[in-house]
Protein backbone atom coordinates (compact mmCIF):
# COMPACT_ATOMS: atom_id res chain seq x y z
CA MET A 1 -48.97 239.41 3.38
CA PHE A 2 -45.70 239.10 6.02
CA ALA A 3 -44.54 236.23 7.94
CA SER A 4 -41.94 236.43 11.12
CA CYS A 5 -39.20 232.91 10.68
CA THR A 6 -37.43 233.46 14.07
CA ASN A 7 -35.17 230.16 14.79
CA ARG A 8 -36.39 228.75 18.44
CA LYS A 9 -34.12 225.71 18.84
CA ILE A 10 -32.75 225.05 22.45
CA ILE A 11 -29.42 224.18 22.93
CA GLU A 12 -29.38 221.30 25.24
CA ALA A 13 -26.10 220.37 26.99
CA LYS A 14 -24.25 217.51 26.41
CA PRO A 15 -24.12 214.61 29.30
CA ASP A 16 -20.42 215.34 30.98
CA SER A 17 -20.51 211.37 31.30
CA LYS A 18 -19.84 208.78 28.64
CA PRO A 19 -22.31 205.83 28.61
CA ALA A 20 -21.76 203.19 31.54
CA LEU A 21 -20.07 199.84 29.53
CA PRO A 22 -21.47 196.61 29.28
CA VAL A 23 -21.51 194.03 31.96
CA CYS A 24 -21.92 190.67 30.85
CA GLU A 25 -22.99 189.03 33.80
CA ASN A 26 -22.57 185.32 33.22
CA GLY A 27 -19.65 186.18 30.97
CA ILE A 28 -16.41 184.65 30.77
CA GLU A 29 -13.66 185.42 31.47
CA MET A 30 -10.28 185.04 28.41
CA ALA A 31 -8.50 187.19 26.15
CA LEU A 32 -8.59 188.35 22.88
CA LYS A 33 -6.19 188.33 20.32
CA LYS A 34 -5.57 189.67 16.43
CA ILE A 35 -4.09 187.50 14.60
CA HIS A 36 -2.21 187.96 11.53
CA LEU A 37 -3.82 185.90 9.17
CA ASP A 38 -5.51 186.21 5.69
CA GLY A 39 -9.61 186.40 6.32
CA CYS A 40 -8.43 186.15 10.32
CA ASN A 41 -8.38 188.85 12.35
CA TRP A 42 -9.06 187.34 16.60
CA VAL A 43 -9.72 185.16 18.99
CA LEU A 44 -10.80 184.65 21.59
CA VAL A 45 -8.32 182.29 24.49
CA LEU A 46 -9.69 180.30 27.02
CA ALA A 47 -7.61 179.85 30.74
CA ASN A 48 -6.81 176.39 29.08
CA ASN A 49 -5.29 177.80 26.30
CA GLU A 50 -8.40 176.93 24.53
CA LYS A 51 -9.15 179.33 21.24
CA LEU A 52 -12.52 180.22 20.13
CA GLU A 53 -13.36 182.19 17.00
CA PRO A 54 -16.16 184.76 17.00
CA LEU A 55 -18.45 184.92 14.23
CA ASN A 56 -19.90 188.39 15.36
CA VAL A 57 -16.52 190.02 17.07
CA SER A 58 -17.16 193.09 14.55
CA ASP A 59 -20.04 193.53 15.92
CA TYR A 60 -18.06 194.70 19.03
CA ILE A 61 -14.70 195.71 17.93
CA SER A 62 -13.11 196.71 14.57
CA VAL A 63 -10.17 195.65 12.93
CA SER A 64 -8.25 198.85 13.51
CA ASP A 65 -9.29 199.28 17.79
CA ASP A 66 -5.48 196.73 18.66
CA GLU A 67 -3.25 197.57 15.89
CA ASN A 68 -0.07 196.24 17.53
CA GLY A 69 -1.46 192.54 18.57
CA THR A 70 -1.74 192.55 22.35
CA GLU A 71 -4.11 191.19 24.88
CA LEU A 72 -7.43 192.50 25.96
CA LYS A 73 -8.62 190.83 28.56
CA VAL A 74 -12.08 190.54 28.12
CA LYS A 75 -15.86 189.08 29.64
CA VAL A 76 -17.54 187.28 27.09
CA ALA A 77 -20.84 185.54 27.40
CA TYR A 78 -21.27 182.71 23.92
CA ASN A 79 -23.28 180.78 22.21
CA GLU A 80 -21.41 177.46 20.60
CA THR A 81 -22.25 178.20 16.38
CA PRO A 82 -20.99 174.97 14.46
CA ALA A 83 -19.50 176.72 11.39
CA ALA A 84 -16.75 176.52 8.83
CA THR A 85 -14.52 179.14 8.77
CA ILE A 86 -11.26 179.94 7.07
CA CYS A 87 -9.65 180.35 10.47
CA MET A 88 -10.09 176.82 11.44
CA ILE A 89 -8.12 177.65 15.14
CA GLY A 90 -10.93 176.23 16.95
CA LYS A 91 -14.74 176.24 17.88
CA THR A 92 -16.71 179.20 16.19
CA ILE A 93 -19.02 180.74 18.48
CA THR A 94 -21.09 183.61 18.19
CA ILE A 95 -20.36 185.94 21.29
CA THR A 96 -23.81 187.33 23.23
CA CYS A 97 -22.48 189.80 25.39
CA PHE A 98 -18.49 191.92 25.26
CA GLU A 99 -16.84 193.77 27.95
CA VAL A 100 -13.66 194.75 28.27
CA ILE A 101 -11.78 194.46 31.87
CA ARG A 102 -9.85 197.46 32.57
């Protein structure tokens, strides 16, 4: 018995455009600043200079995304999350929406 094996793979063109960035409709504009403390990497700074400590920032940005420590302008929606942390810089929050402002 003879069998023929042919590869009939359909090659699809990759889309040229990048996926759309998320938009946080009810987000608050603030600065995301890298800090250099043991166990602490990022802090969010509000316009009134209040600092927020995001517990889940690694879901949105990695430690190596900003090596030089400059501030990124972001829009964030969040929930306050009372929790103890190593940093003890400000209120702890859980980010629910994260948008980088260009």
